[in-house]
């Protein structure tokens, strides 16, 4: 069994050029934590997860606790699979002490049934390799799992089976996911990156949403009161302000700065990226709406009455999930590029 603290980050910082992700932040993961890293795209959730996993460089200190055995799942780890192995061979190498029958049963939860377990890794699609890698993480001896978008290549039924597995899992977990349903069913703590710091909420996703709504209402009321107070204090006549302004000379250096043309090329590029960004937002909304519709269809028992209808719905769901994953990655990269260009375009 691991100690109370599994991993601790002390005064860590990470930036990509002028885009600061984390700055002088400190946080720890305790035994029993099941943490969901959430927030807007481009805030650095996957970057922070990679920092914890030790596969992303950063400034500061990362300290492992006692008897921690970690396992990290991310899309790029598919390259670590042995292409000459069968799926069952890969599972045997996890050291879980499970029998072949038990391993085949587990693989069935990841859509590998019957003879599928004897397929070689080299003939699998990207989505199939991702499911194998995820199954290996779940069956490993690790007491600390780090999962980056684990539901991307799973249908709704497999997602529910994964939720059940993680709820029964005795170790600690930290995960990144765009799937709010998945997060609501697995996390007992929420981490959010705010102002380059990690803000921890001790509770599940639904409790966090309710808390955020309460904070937003409180903030709106405070802003309204401040605005009223400011209006009451501004009693100086407009003419008096104009006369006061007329006696203040603007330094030539400030005039030059105000009149200096913006970086035209950067501004033009920024405008192009912003248009692309808006198109992606629309595309993401449409994909999420379609995914919700397909999830409802897969939850309807009537869908399973006709085999062709079920297969068609399931295949479209997989396709939409893959598109969402790719579009979200593109969205985050685009947002990072826009953040880099904004200061240049305004100079």
C-alpha atoms as a PDB file:
ATOM      1  CA  UNK A   1       0.000   0.000   0.000  1.00  0.00           C
ATOM      2  CA  UNK A   2       1.323   3.497  -0.826  1.00  0.00           C
ATOM      3  CA  UNK A   3       1.812   6.240   1.756  1.00  0.00           C
ATOM      4  CA  UNK A   4      -0.726   8.999   2.401  1.00  0.00           C
ATOM      5  CA  UNK A   5       0.753  11.272  -0.280  1.00  0.00           C
ATOM      6  CA  UNK A   6       1.321   9.649  -3.692  1.00  0.00           C
ATOM      7  CA  UNK A   7       2.908  12.559  -5.515  1.00  0.00           C
ATOM      8  CA  UNK A   8       3.658  16.166  -4.671  1.00  0.00           C
ATOM      9  CA  UNK A   9       4.423  19.070  -6.996  1.00  0.00           C
ATOM     10  CA  UNK A  10       6.310  21.959  -5.371  1.00  0.00           C
ATOM     11  CA  UNK A  11       6.560  25.434  -6.945  1.00  0.00           C
ATOM     12  CA  UNK A  12       6.211  24.086 -10.484  1.00  0.00           C
ATOM     13  CA  UNK A  13       6.029  26.283 -13.578  1.00  0.00           C
ATOM     14  CA  UNK A  14       5.461  25.502 -17.249  1.00  0.00           C
ATOM     15  CA  UNK A  15       5.162  27.766 -20.275  1.00  0.00           C
ATOM     16  CA  UNK A  16       5.219  27.426 -24.056  1.00  0.00           C
ATOM     17  CA  UNK A  17       6.868  30.658 -25.141  1.00  0.00           C
ATOM     18  CA  UNK A  18       4.682  33.501 -23.848  1.00  0.00           C
ATOM     19  CA  UNK A  19       1.807  31.118 -23.095  1.00  0.00           C
ATOM     20  CA  UNK A  20       2.064  30.407 -19.357  1.00  0.00           C
ATOM     21  CA  UNK A  21       0.331  27.186 -18.279  1.00  0.00           C
ATOM     22  CA  UNK A  22       1.348  26.837 -14.621  1.00  0.00           C
ATOM     23  CA  UNK A  23       3.295  29.347 -12.540  1.00  0.00           C
ATOM     24  CA  UNK A  24       4.834  28.591  -9.138  1.00  0.00           C
ATOM     25  CA  UNK A  25       2.040  26.140  -8.243  1.00  0.00           C
ATOM     26  CA  UNK A  26       2.080  23.523  -5.485  1.00  0.00           C
ATOM     27  CA  UNK A  27      -0.329  20.600  -5.177  1.00  0.00           C
ATOM     28  CA  UNK A  28      -0.457  17.011  -3.921  1.00  0.00           C
ATOM     29  CA  UNK A  29      -2.374  13.806  -4.654  1.00  0.00           C
ATOM     30  CA  UNK A  30      -3.414  11.750  -1.641  1.00  0.00           C
ATOM     31  CA  UNK A  31      -4.195   8.049  -1.317  1.00  0.00           C
ATOM     32  CA  UNK A  32      -7.804   7.419  -2.371  1.00  0.00           C
ATOM     33  CA  UNK A  33      -8.082  10.529  -4.557  1.00  0.00           C
ATOM     34  CA  UNK A  34      -9.962  10.167  -7.828  1.00  0.00           C
ATOM     35  CA  UNK A  35      -9.290  13.524  -9.431  1.00  0.00           C
ATOM     36  CA  UNK A  36     -10.724  14.983 -12.644  1.00  0.00           C
ATOM     37  CA  UNK A  37      -8.699  17.766 -14.259  1.00  0.00           C
ATOM     38  CA  UNK A  38     -11.215  20.030 -15.945  1.00  0.00           C
ATOM     39  CA  UNK A  39     -11.448  23.444 -17.566  1.00  0.00           C
ATOM     40  CA  UNK A  40     -11.560  25.202 -20.898  1.00  0.00           C
ATOM     41  CA  UNK A  41      -9.554  23.944 -23.870  1.00  0.00           C
ATOM     42  CA  UNK A  42      -6.032  25.318 -23.999  1.00  0.00           C
ATOM     43  CA  UNK A  43      -5.687  25.702 -20.221  1.00  0.00           C
ATOM     44  CA  UNK A  44      -3.065  22.950 -20.019  1.00  0.00           C
ATOM     45  CA  UNK A  45      -4.913  20.015 -18.451  1.00  0.00           C
ATOM     46  CA  UNK A  46      -3.065  17.346 -20.445  1.00  0.00           C
ATOM     47  CA  UNK A  47       0.207  19.239 -19.964  1.00  0.00           C
ATOM     48  CA  UNK A  48      -0.217  19.130 -16.181  1.00  0.00           C
ATOM     49  CA  UNK A  49      -1.070  15.420 -16.353  1.00  0.00           C
ATOM     50  CA  UNK A  50       2.111  14.773 -18.361  1.00  0.00           C
ATOM     51  CA  UNK A  51       4.097  16.766 -15.783  1.00  0.00           C
ATOM     52  CA  UNK A  52       2.756  14.514 -13.022  1.00  0.00           C
ATOM     53  CA  UNK A  53       3.582  11.447 -15.140  1.00  0.00           C
ATOM     54  CA  UNK A  54       7.121  12.706 -15.670  1.00  0.00           C
ATOM     55  CA  UNK A  55       6.971  12.843 -19.468  1.00  0.00           C
ATOM     56  CA  UNK A  56       6.826  16.660 -19.719  1.00  0.00           C
ATOM     57  CA  UNK A  57       9.693  18.901 -18.655  1.00  0.00           C
ATOM     58  CA  UNK A  58       8.984  21.743 -16.208  1.00  0.00           C
ATOM     59  CA  UNK A  59      10.573  23.979 -13.591  1.00  0.00           C
ATOM     60  CA  UNK A  60      10.140  23.036  -9.943  1.00  0.00           C
ATOM     61  CA  UNK A  61      10.048  19.765  -8.029  1.00  0.00           C
ATOM     62  CA  UNK A  62       8.010  16.571  -8.343  1.00  0.00           C
ATOM     63  CA  UNK A  63       8.256  14.164  -5.415  1.00  0.00           C
ATOM     64  CA  UNK A  64       6.903  10.596  -5.416  1.00  0.00           C
ATOM     65  CA  UNK A  65       5.493   9.090  -2.238  1.00  0.00           C
ATOM     66  CA  UNK A  66       6.304   5.727  -0.665  1.00  0.00           C
ATOM     67  CA  UNK A  67       5.451   2.483  -2.563  1.00  0.00           C
ATOM     68  CA  UNK A  68       3.797   4.225  -5.512  1.00  0.00           C
ATOM     69  CA  UNK A  69       3.402   2.097  -8.653  1.00  0.00           C
ATOM     70  CA  UNK A  70       2.096   4.337 -11.419  1.00  0.00           C
ATOM     71  CA  UNK A  71       0.612   3.642 -14.836  1.00  0.00           C
ATOM     72  CA  UNK A  72       0.025   6.343 -17.466  1.00  0.00           C
ATOM     73  CA  UNK A  73      -2.441   6.125 -20.353  1.00  0.00           C
ATOM     74  CA  UNK A  74      -2.312   8.562 -23.270  1.00  0.00           C
ATOM     75  CA  UNK A  75      -2.751   8.302 -27.039  1.00  0.00           C
ATOM     76  CA  UNK A  76       0.981   8.534 -27.778  1.00  0.00           C
ATOM     77  CA  UNK A  77       1.627   5.432 -25.637  1.00  0.00           C
ATOM     78  CA  UNK A  78       0.218   3.234 -28.380  1.00  0.00           C
ATOM     79  CA  UNK A  79       3.741   3.196 -29.806  1.00  0.00           C
ATOM     80  CA  UNK A  80       4.851   1.180 -26.763  1.00  0.00           C
ATOM     81  CA  UNK A  81       2.735  -1.809 -27.846  1.00  0.00           C
ATOM     82  CA  UNK A  82       4.697  -4.720 -29.323  1.00  0.00           C
ATOM     83  CA  UNK A  83       3.356  -5.004 -32.873  1.00  0.00           C
ATOM     84  CA  UNK A  84       4.300  -8.692 -33.095  1.00  0.00           C
ATOM     85  CA  UNK A  85       2.290  -9.636 -30.003  1.00  0.00           C
ATOM     86  CA  UNK A  86      -1.322 -10.709 -30.005  1.00  0.00           C
ATOM     87  CA  UNK A  87      -3.732  -8.686 -27.898  1.00  0.00           C
ATOM     88  CA  UNK A  88      -3.760 -11.507 -25.340  1.00  0.00           C
ATOM     89  CA  UNK A  89       0.072 -11.551 -25.285  1.00  0.00           C
ATOM     90  CA  UNK A  90       0.088  -7.838 -24.431  1.00  0.00           C
ATOM     91  CA  UNK A  91      -2.328  -8.420 -21.576  1.00  0.00           C
ATOM     92  CA  UNK A  92      -0.256 -11.315 -20.211  1.00  0.00           C
ATOM     93  CA  UNK A  93       2.778  -9.024 -19.958  1.00  0.00           C
ATOM     94  CA  UNK A  94       1.005  -6.730 -17.483  1.00  0.00           C
ATOM     95  CA  UNK A  95       1.909  -9.028 -14.594  1.00  0.00           C
ATOM     96  CA  UNK A  96      -1.615  -9.044 -13.189  1.00  0.00           C
ATOM     97  CA  UNK A  97      -1.641 -12.802 -12.371  1.00  0.00           C
ATOM     98  CA  UNK A  98      -5.027 -13.099 -14.123  1.00  0.00           C
ATOM     99  CA  UNK A  99      -5.799 -16.302 -16.051  1.00  0.00           C
ATOM    100  CA  UNK A 100      -6.243 -16.248 -19.835  1.00  0.00           C
ATOM    101  CA  UNK A 101      -9.974 -16.769 -19.311  1.00  0.00           C
ATOM    102  CA  UNK A 102     -10.150 -13.740 -17.014  1.00  0.00           C
ATOM    103  CA  UNK A 103      -8.085 -11.667 -19.435  1.00  0.00           C
ATOM    104  CA  UNK A 104     -10.367 -12.617 -22.337  1.00  0.00           C
ATOM    105  CA  UNK A 105     -13.363 -11.612 -20.214  1.00  0.00           C
ATOM    106  CA  UNK A 106     -11.780  -8.231 -19.523  1.00  0.00           C
ATOM    107  CA  UNK A 107     -10.964  -7.739 -23.211  1.00  0.00           C
ATOM    108  CA  UNK A 108     -14.635  -8.333 -23.985  1.00  0.00           C
ATOM    109  CA  UNK A 109     -15.378  -5.162 -22.020  1.00  0.00           C
ATOM    110  CA  UNK A 110     -13.093  -3.328 -24.447  1.00  0.00           C
ATOM    111  CA  UNK A 111     -14.889  -4.701 -27.526  1.00  0.00           C
ATOM    112  CA  UNK A 112     -12.460  -7.609 -28.152  1.00  0.00           C
ATOM    113  CA  UNK A 113     -14.610 -10.717 -27.999  1.00  0.00           C
ATOM    114  CA  UNK A 114     -13.873 -14.333 -28.928  1.00  0.00           C
ATOM    115  CA  UNK A 115     -11.051 -14.752 -31.446  1.00  0.00           C
ATOM    116  CA  UNK A 116     -10.383 -10.968 -31.493  1.00  0.00           C
ATOM    117  CA  UNK A 117      -8.025 -11.506 -28.539  1.00  0.00           C
ATOM    118  CA  UNK A 118      -5.726 -13.511 -30.852  1.00  0.00           C
ATOM    119  CA  UNK A 119      -5.300 -10.688 -33.380  1.00  0.00           C
ATOM    120  CA  UNK A 120      -1.813  -9.256 -33.712  1.00  0.00           C
ATOM    121  CA  UNK A 121      -1.244  -5.641 -32.696  1.00  0.00           C
ATOM    122  CA  UNK A 122       0.192  -4.742 -36.123  1.00  0.00           C
ATOM    123  CA  UNK A 123      -3.164  -5.263 -37.888  1.00  0.00           C
ATOM    124  CA  UNK A 124      -5.212  -3.178 -35.419  1.00  0.00           C
ATOM    125  CA  UNK A 125      -6.597   0.269 -36.172  1.00  0.00           C
ATOM    126  CA  UNK A 126      -5.595   3.295 -34.093  1.00  0.00           C
ATOM    127  CA  UNK A 127      -8.798   3.063 -32.081  1.00  0.00           C
ATOM    128  CA  UNK A 128      -8.289  -0.640 -31.385  1.00  0.00           C
ATOM    129  CA  UNK A 129      -4.704  -0.051 -30.241  1.00  0.00           C
ATOM    130  CA  UNK A 130      -5.972   2.673 -27.903  1.00  0.00           C
ATOM    131  CA  UNK A 131      -8.429   0.237 -26.322  1.00  0.00           C
ATOM    132  CA  UNK A 132      -5.667  -2.359 -25.841  1.00  0.00           C
ATOM    133  CA  UNK A 133      -3.416   0.233 -24.162  1.00  0.00           C
ATOM    134  CA  UNK A 134      -6.268   1.297 -21.873  1.00  0.00           C
ATOM    135  CA  UNK A 135      -7.073  -2.319 -20.956  1.00  0.00           C
ATOM    136  CA  UNK A 136      -3.390  -2.844 -20.047  1.00  0.00           C
ATOM    137  CA  UNK A 137      -3.455   0.148 -17.715  1.00  0.00           C
ATOM    138  CA  UNK A 138      -6.627  -1.025 -15.973  1.00  0.00           C
ATOM    139  CA  UNK A 139      -5.318  -4.592 -15.441  1.00  0.00           C
ATOM    140  CA  UNK A 140      -1.825  -3.525 -14.327  1.00  0.00           C
ATOM    141  CA  UNK A 141      -0.527  -3.835 -10.758  1.00  0.00           C
ATOM    142  CA  UNK A 142      -0.398  -0.032 -10.451  1.00  0.00           C
ATOM    143  CA  UNK A 143      -1.907   1.706  -7.435  1.00  0.00           C
ATOM    144  CA  UNK A 144      -1.932   5.093  -9.185  1.00  0.00           C
ATOM    145  CA  UNK A 145      -3.499   5.599 -12.631  1.00  0.00           C
ATOM    146  CA  UNK A 146      -3.058   8.668 -14.853  1.00  0.00           C
ATOM    147  CA  UNK A 147      -5.576   8.686 -17.709  1.00  0.00           C
ATOM    148  CA  UNK A 148      -5.671  11.170 -20.605  1.00  0.00           C
ATOM    149  CA  UNK A 149      -9.024  11.050 -22.469  1.00  0.00           C
ATOM    150  CA  UNK A 150      -9.670   7.347 -21.728  1.00  0.00           C
ATOM    151  CA  UNK A 151     -13.189   7.277 -23.247  1.00  0.00           C
ATOM    152  CA  UNK A 152     -12.280   8.571 -26.715  1.00  0.00           C
ATOM    153  CA  UNK A 153     -12.497   5.191 -28.472  1.00  0.00           C
ATOM    154  CA  UNK A 154     -15.188   3.546 -26.337  1.00  0.00           C
ATOM    155  CA  UNK A 155     -18.877   3.172 -27.091  1.00  0.00           C
ATOM    156  CA  UNK A 156     -21.432   3.986 -24.391  1.00  0.00           C
ATOM    157  CA  UNK A 157     -21.625   0.427 -23.042  1.00  0.00           C
ATOM    158  CA  UNK A 158     -17.833   0.126 -22.796  1.00  0.00           C
ATOM    159  CA  UNK A 159     -17.686   3.544 -21.141  1.00  0.00           C
ATOM    160  CA  UNK A 160     -20.114   2.318 -18.465  1.00  0.00           C
ATOM    161  CA  UNK A 161     -17.977  -0.797 -17.933  1.00  0.00           C
ATOM    162  CA  UNK A 162     -14.887   1.399 -17.543  1.00  0.00           C
ATOM    163  CA  UNK A 163     -16.742   3.564 -15.004  1.00  0.00           C
ATOM    164  CA  UNK A 164     -17.659   0.448 -13.047  1.00  0.00           C
ATOM    165  CA  UNK A 165     -14.029  -0.757 -13.141  1.00  0.00           C
ATOM    166  CA  UNK A 166     -12.678   2.575 -11.900  1.00  0.00           C
ATOM    167  CA  UNK A 167     -15.258   2.756  -9.112  1.00  0.00           C
ATOM    168  CA  UNK A 168     -14.154  -0.689  -7.914  1.00  0.00           C
ATOM    169  CA  UNK A 169     -10.471   0.222  -8.301  1.00  0.00           C
ATOM    170  CA  UNK A 170      -8.796   0.501  -4.877  1.00  0.00           C
ATOM    171  CA  UNK A 171      -5.976   2.800  -5.981  1.00  0.00           C
ATOM    172  CA  UNK A 172      -5.825   6.518  -6.790  1.00  0.00           C
ATOM    173  CA  UNK A 173      -6.648   8.139 -10.125  1.00  0.00           C
ATOM    174  CA  UNK A 174      -6.138  11.437 -11.903  1.00  0.00           C
ATOM    175  CA  UNK A 175      -7.770  11.861 -15.312  1.00  0.00           C
ATOM    176  CA  UNK A 176      -8.444  14.332 -18.092  1.00  0.00           C
ATOM    177  CA  UNK A 177     -11.688  13.938 -20.026  1.00  0.00           C
ATOM    178  CA  UNK A 178     -14.135  16.023 -22.065  1.00  0.00           C
ATOM    179  CA  UNK A 179     -16.896  13.557 -21.145  1.00  0.00           C
ATOM    180  CA  UNK A 180     -18.863  15.220 -18.316  1.00  0.00           C
ATOM    181  CA  UNK A 181     -20.946  12.107 -17.689  1.00  0.00           C
ATOM    182  CA  UNK A 182     -17.781  10.026 -17.247  1.00  0.00           C
ATOM    183  CA  UNK A 183     -16.294  12.609 -14.870  1.00  0.00           C
ATOM    184  CA  UNK A 184     -19.495  12.826 -12.807  1.00  0.00           C
ATOM    185  CA  UNK A 185     -19.447   9.053 -12.265  1.00  0.00           C
ATOM    186  CA  UNK A 186     -15.757   8.639 -11.373  1.00  0.00           C
ATOM    187  CA  UNK A 187     -14.278  11.707  -9.644  1.00  0.00           C
ATOM    188  CA  UNK A 188     -14.357  12.575  -5.941  1.00  0.00           C
ATOM    189  CA  UNK A 189     -12.205  15.680  -6.400  1.00  0.00           C
ATOM    190  CA  UNK A 190     -12.041  18.360  -9.090  1.00  0.00           C
ATOM    191  CA  UNK A 191      -8.901  20.228 -10.129  1.00  0.00           C
ATOM    192  CA  UNK A 192      -9.234  23.363 -12.257  1.00  0.00           C
ATOM    193  CA  UNK A 193      -6.411  25.475 -13.658  1.00  0.00           C
ATOM    194  CA  UNK A 194      -7.258  29.107 -12.836  1.00  0.00           C
ATOM    195  CA  UNK A 195      -4.812  32.028 -13.235  1.00  0.00           C
ATOM    196  CA  UNK A 196      -1.931  29.560 -13.710  1.00  0.00           C
ATOM    197  CA  UNK A 197      -2.706  27.866 -10.377  1.00  0.00           C
ATOM    198  CA  UNK A 198      -4.402  24.542  -9.582  1.00  0.00           C
ATOM    199  CA  UNK A 199      -7.632  25.103  -7.638  1.00  0.00           C
ATOM    200  CA  UNK A 200      -8.900  22.021  -5.788  1.00  0.00           C
ATOM    201  CA  UNK A 201     -12.557  21.304  -5.030  1.00  0.00           C
ATOM    202  CA  UNK A 202     -13.208  18.455  -2.591  1.00  0.00           C
ATOM    203  CA  UNK A 203     -16.328  16.932  -4.078  1.00  0.00           C
ATOM    204  CA  UNK A 204     -17.782  15.418  -7.242  1.00  0.00           C
ATOM    205  CA  UNK A 205     -18.493  17.095 -10.562  1.00  0.00           C
ATOM    206  CA  UNK A 206     -22.177  17.888  -9.908  1.00  0.00           C
ATOM    207  CA  UNK A 207     -21.298  19.477  -6.548  1.00  0.00           C
ATOM    208  CA  UNK A 208     -18.580  21.510  -8.278  1.00  0.00           C
ATOM    209  CA  UNK A 209     -21.021  22.766 -10.945  1.00  0.00           C
ATOM    210  CA  UNK A 210     -23.516  23.818  -8.245  1.00  0.00           C
ATOM    211  CA  UNK A 211     -20.737  25.586  -6.324  1.00  0.00           C
ATOM    212  CA  UNK A 212     -19.556  27.440  -9.462  1.00  0.00           C
ATOM    213  CA  UNK A 213     -23.113  28.623 -10.121  1.00  0.00           C
ATOM    214  CA  UNK A 214     -23.413  29.955  -6.560  1.00  0.00           C
ATOM    215  CA  UNK A 215     -20.063  31.750  -6.882  1.00  0.00           C
ATOM    216  CA  UNK A 216     -21.116  33.282 -10.217  1.00  0.00           C
ATOM    217  CA  UNK A 217     -24.356  34.636  -8.690  1.00  0.00           C
ATOM    218  CA  UNK A 218     -22.447  36.083  -5.725  1.00  0.00           C
ATOM    219  CA  UNK A 219     -19.899  37.690  -8.054  1.00  0.00           C
ATOM    220  CA  UNK A 220     -22.633  39.235 -10.223  1.00  0.00           C
ATOM    221  CA  UNK A 221     -24.333  40.762  -7.184  1.00  0.00           C
ATOM    222  CA  UNK A 222     -21.024  42.203  -5.926  1.00  0.00           C
ATOM    223  CA  UNK A 223     -20.251  43.699  -9.358  1.00  0.00           C
ATOM    224  CA  UNK A 224     -23.702  45.292  -9.493  1.00  0.00           C
ATOM    225  CA  UNK A 225     -23.221  46.911  -6.056  1.00  0.00           C
ATOM    226  CA  UNK A 226     -19.749  48.173  -7.014  1.00  0.00           C
ATOM    227  CA  UNK A 227     -21.118  49.675 -10.245  1.00  0.00           C
ATOM    228  CA  UNK A 228     -23.871  51.501  -8.377  1.00  0.00           C
ATOM    229  CA  UNK A 229     -21.352  52.888  -5.875  1.00  0.00           C
ATOM    230  CA  UNK A 230     -19.012  54.042  -8.625  1.00  0.00           C
ATOM    231  CA  UNK A 231     -21.835  55.852 -10.467  1.00  0.00           C
ATOM    232  CA  UNK A 232     -22.849  57.661  -7.279  1.00  0.00           C
ATOM    233  CA  UNK A 233     -19.275  58.820  -6.651  1.00  0.00           C
ATOM    234  CA  UNK A 234     -18.761  60.237 -10.166  1.00  0.00           C
ATOM    235  CA  UNK A 235     -20.326  63.665  -9.629  1.00  0.00           C
ATOM    236  CA  UNK A 236     -17.675  65.759 -11.416  1.00  0.00           C
ATOM    237  CA  UNK A 237     -19.258  67.832 -14.274  1.00  0.00           C
ATOM    238  CA  UNK A 238     -18.207  66.873 -17.791  1.00  0.00           C
ATOM    239  CA  UNK A 239     -17.086  70.428 -18.613  1.00  0.00           C
ATOM    240  CA  UNK A 240     -14.758  70.461 -15.604  1.00  0.00           C
ATOM    241  CA  UNK A 241     -13.147  67.230 -16.821  1.00  0.00           C
ATOM    242  CA  UNK A 242     -12.686  68.692 -20.312  1.00  0.00           C
ATOM    243  CA  UNK A 243     -11.023  71.799 -18.892  1.00  0.00           C
ATOM    244  CA  UNK A 244      -8.720  69.709 -16.705  1.00  0.00           C
ATOM    245  CA  UNK A 245      -7.752  67.548 -19.683  1.00  0.00           C
ATOM    246  CA  UNK A 246      -6.919  70.614 -21.773  1.00  0.00           C
ATOM    247  CA  UNK A 247      -4.127  71.566 -19.349  1.00  0.00           C
ATOM    248  CA  UNK A 248      -2.433  68.168 -19.432  1.00  0.00           C
ATOM    249  CA  UNK A 249       0.225  67.743 -22.094  1.00  0.00           C
ATOM    250  CA  UNK A 250       0.801  64.275 -23.551  1.00  0.00           C
ATOM    251  CA  UNK A 251       4.504  63.352 -23.712  1.00  0.00           C
ATOM    252  CA  UNK A 252       5.757  62.923 -27.310  1.00  0.00           C
ATOM    253  CA  UNK A 253       6.840  59.336 -26.550  1.00  0.00           C
ATOM    254  CA  UNK A 254       3.265  58.416 -25.649  1.00  0.00           C
ATOM    255  CA  UNK A 255       1.933  60.082 -28.808  1.00  0.00           C
ATOM    256  CA  UNK A 256       4.380  58.042 -30.882  1.00  0.00           C
ATOM    257  CA  UNK A 257       3.319  54.854 -29.142  1.00  0.00           C
ATOM    258  CA  UNK A 258      -0.355  55.592 -29.656  1.00  0.00           C
ATOM    259  CA  UNK A 259       0.159  56.330 -33.310  1.00  0.00           C
ATOM    260  CA  UNK A 260       2.545  53.453 -33.986  1.00  0.00           C
ATOM    261  CA  UNK A 261       0.974  50.988 -36.418  1.00  0.00           C
ATOM    262  CA  UNK A 262       0.289  47.478 -35.151  1.00  0.00           C
ATOM    263  CA  UNK A 263       2.210  44.573 -36.563  1.00  0.00           C
ATOM    264  CA  UNK A 264       0.157  44.121 -39.730  1.00  0.00           C
ATOM    265  CA  UNK A 265       1.294  40.617 -40.556  1.00  0.00           C
ATOM    266  CA  UNK A 266       0.642  39.354 -37.027  1.00  0.00           C
ATOM    267  CA  UNK A 267      -2.723  41.091 -36.943  1.00  0.00           C
ATOM    268  CA  UNK A 268      -3.714  39.566 -40.273  1.00  0.00           C
ATOM    269  CA  UNK A 269      -2.649  36.089 -39.111  1.00  0.00           C
ATOM    270  CA  UNK A 270      -4.488  36.571 -35.817  1.00  0.00           C
ATOM    271  CA  UNK A 271      -7.717  37.501 -37.625  1.00  0.00           C
ATOM    272  CA  UNK A 272      -7.421  34.421 -39.838  1.00  0.00           C
ATOM    273  CA  UNK A 273      -6.883  32.141 -36.820  1.00  0.00           C
ATOM    274  CA  UNK A 274      -9.770  33.751 -34.930  1.00  0.00           C
ATOM    275  CA  UNK A 275     -12.127  33.000 -37.832  1.00  0.00           C
ATOM    276  CA  UNK A 276     -10.865  29.412 -37.898  1.00  0.00           C
ATOM    277  CA  UNK A 277     -11.331  29.257 -34.121  1.00  0.00           C
ATOM    278  CA  UNK A 278     -14.973  30.322 -34.407  1.00  0.00           C
ATOM    279  CA  UNK A 279     -15.610  27.685 -37.086  1.00  0.00           C
ATOM    280  CA  UNK A 280     -14.098  25.036 -34.814  1.00  0.00           C
ATOM    281  CA  UNK A 281     -16.337  26.131 -31.920  1.00  0.00           C
ATOM    282  CA  UNK A 282     -19.392  25.649 -34.128  1.00  0.00           C
ATOM    283  CA  UNK A 283     -18.081  22.271 -35.300  1.00  0.00           C
ATOM    284  CA  UNK A 284     -17.443  21.137 -31.715  1.00  0.00           C
ATOM    285  CA  UNK A 285     -20.958  22.154 -30.680  1.00  0.00           C
ATOM    286  CA  UNK A 286     -22.456  20.191 -33.584  1.00  0.00           C
ATOM    287  CA  UNK A 287     -20.319  17.118 -32.826  1.00  0.00           C
ATOM    288  CA  UNK A 288     -21.241  17.226 -29.128  1.00  0.00           C
ATOM    289  CA  UNK A 289     -24.945  17.536 -29.980  1.00  0.00           C
ATOM    290  CA  UNK A 290     -24.720  14.568 -32.346  1.00  0.00           C
ATOM    291  CA  UNK A 291     -22.818  12.524 -29.748  1.00  0.00           C
ATOM    292  CA  UNK A 292     -25.570  13.243 -27.203  1.00  0.00           C
ATOM    293  CA  UNK A 293     -28.215  12.090 -29.711  1.00  0.00           C
ATOM    294  CA  UNK A 294     -26.301   8.865 -30.410  1.00  0.00           C
ATOM    295  CA  UNK A 295     -25.815   8.194 -26.698  1.00  0.00           C
ATOM    296  CA  UNK A 296     -29.572   8.506 -26.226  1.00  0.00           C
ATOM    297  CA  UNK A 297     -30.116   6.070 -29.118  1.00  0.00           C
ATOM    298  CA  UNK A 298     -27.643   3.562 -27.656  1.00  0.00           C
ATOM    299  CA  UNK A 299     -29.414   3.824 -24.306  1.00  0.00           C
ATOM    300  CA  UNK A 300     -32.755   3.008 -25.967  1.00  0.00           C
ATOM    301  CA  UNK A 301     -33.557  -0.761 -25.882  1.00  0.00           C
ATOM    302  CA  UNK A 302     -35.419  -0.395 -29.212  1.00  0.00           C
ATOM    303  CA  UNK A 303     -32.100   0.238 -30.972  1.00  0.00           C
ATOM    304  CA  UNK A 304     -30.970  -3.305 -30.185  1.00  0.00           C
ATOM    305  CA  UNK A 305     -34.027  -4.958 -31.747  1.00  0.00           C
ATOM    306  CA  UNK A 306     -32.536  -4.571 -35.204  1.00  0.00           C
ATOM    307  CA  UNK A 307     -28.896  -5.630 -35.619  1.00  0.00           C
ATOM    308  CA  UNK A 308     -28.241  -3.308 -38.578  1.00  0.00           C
ATOM    309  CA  UNK A 309     -29.671  -0.314 -36.739  1.00  0.00           C
ATOM    310  CA  UNK A 310     -27.498  -1.058 -33.707  1.00  0.00           C
ATOM    311  CA  UNK A 311     -24.306  -1.533 -35.766  1.00  0.00           C
ATOM    312  CA  UNK A 312     -24.952   1.634 -37.750  1.00  0.00           C
ATOM    313  CA  UNK A 313     -25.572   3.658 -34.568  1.00  0.00           C
ATOM    314  CA  UNK A 314     -22.548   2.194 -32.797  1.00  0.00           C
ATOM    315  CA  UNK A 315     -20.240   2.831 -35.772  1.00  0.00           C
ATOM    316  CA  UNK A 316     -21.408   6.416 -36.100  1.00  0.00           C
ATOM    317  CA  UNK A 317     -20.888   6.911 -32.357  1.00  0.00           C
ATOM    318  CA  UNK A 318     -17.281   5.685 -32.657  1.00  0.00           C
ATOM    319  CA  UNK A 319     -16.708   7.935 -35.665  1.00  0.00           C
ATOM    320  CA  UNK A 320     -18.132  10.995 -33.900  1.00  0.00           C
ATOM    321  CA  UNK A 321     -16.059  10.258 -30.759  1.00  0.00           C
ATOM    322  CA  UNK A 322     -12.867  10.071 -32.856  1.00  0.00           C
ATOM    323  CA  UNK A 323     -13.763  13.317 -34.656  1.00  0.00           C
ATOM    324  CA  UNK A 324     -14.386  15.027 -31.307  1.00  0.00           C
ATOM    325  CA  UNK A 325     -10.999  13.922 -30.018  1.00  0.00           C
ATOM    326  CA  UNK A 326      -9.168  15.187 -33.111  1.00  0.00           C
ATOM    327  CA  UNK A 327     -11.127  18.461 -33.207  1.00  0.00           C
ATOM    328  CA  UNK A 328     -10.479  19.123 -29.512  1.00  0.00           C
ATOM    329  CA  UNK A 329      -6.729  18.662 -30.057  1.00  0.00           C
ATOM    330  CA  UNK A 330      -6.836  21.055 -33.031  1.00  0.00           C
ATOM    331  CA  UNK A 331      -8.910  23.499 -30.932  1.00  0.00           C
ATOM    332  CA  UNK A 332      -6.338  23.533 -28.111  1.00  0.00           C
ATOM    333  CA  UNK A 333      -3.393  24.023 -30.479  1.00  0.00           C
ATOM    334  CA  UNK A 334      -5.191  26.864 -32.243  1.00  0.00           C
ATOM    335  CA  UNK A 335      -6.018  28.553 -28.946  1.00  0.00           C
ATOM    336  CA  UNK A 336      -2.384  28.366 -27.838  1.00  0.00           C
ATOM    337  CA  UNK A 337      -1.264  29.938 -31.136  1.00  0.00           C
ATOM    338  CA  UNK A 338      -3.833  32.753 -30.791  1.00  0.00           C
ATOM    339  CA  UNK A 339      -2.626  33.475 -27.249  1.00  0.00           C
ATOM    340  CA  UNK A 340       0.957  33.723 -28.549  1.00  0.00           C
ATOM    341  CA  UNK A 341      -0.007  36.097 -31.382  1.00  0.00           C
ATOM    342  CA  UNK A 342      -2.271  38.493 -29.465  1.00  0.00           C
ATOM    343  CA  UNK A 343       0.515  40.448 -27.706  1.00  0.00           C
ATOM    344  CA  UNK A 344       2.467  40.739 -30.976  1.00  0.00           C
ATOM    345  CA  UNK A 345      -0.543  41.956 -32.968  1.00  0.00           C
ATOM    346  CA  UNK A 346      -1.303  44.655 -30.403  1.00  0.00           C
ATOM    347  CA  UNK A 347       2.283  45.956 -30.226  1.00  0.00           C
END
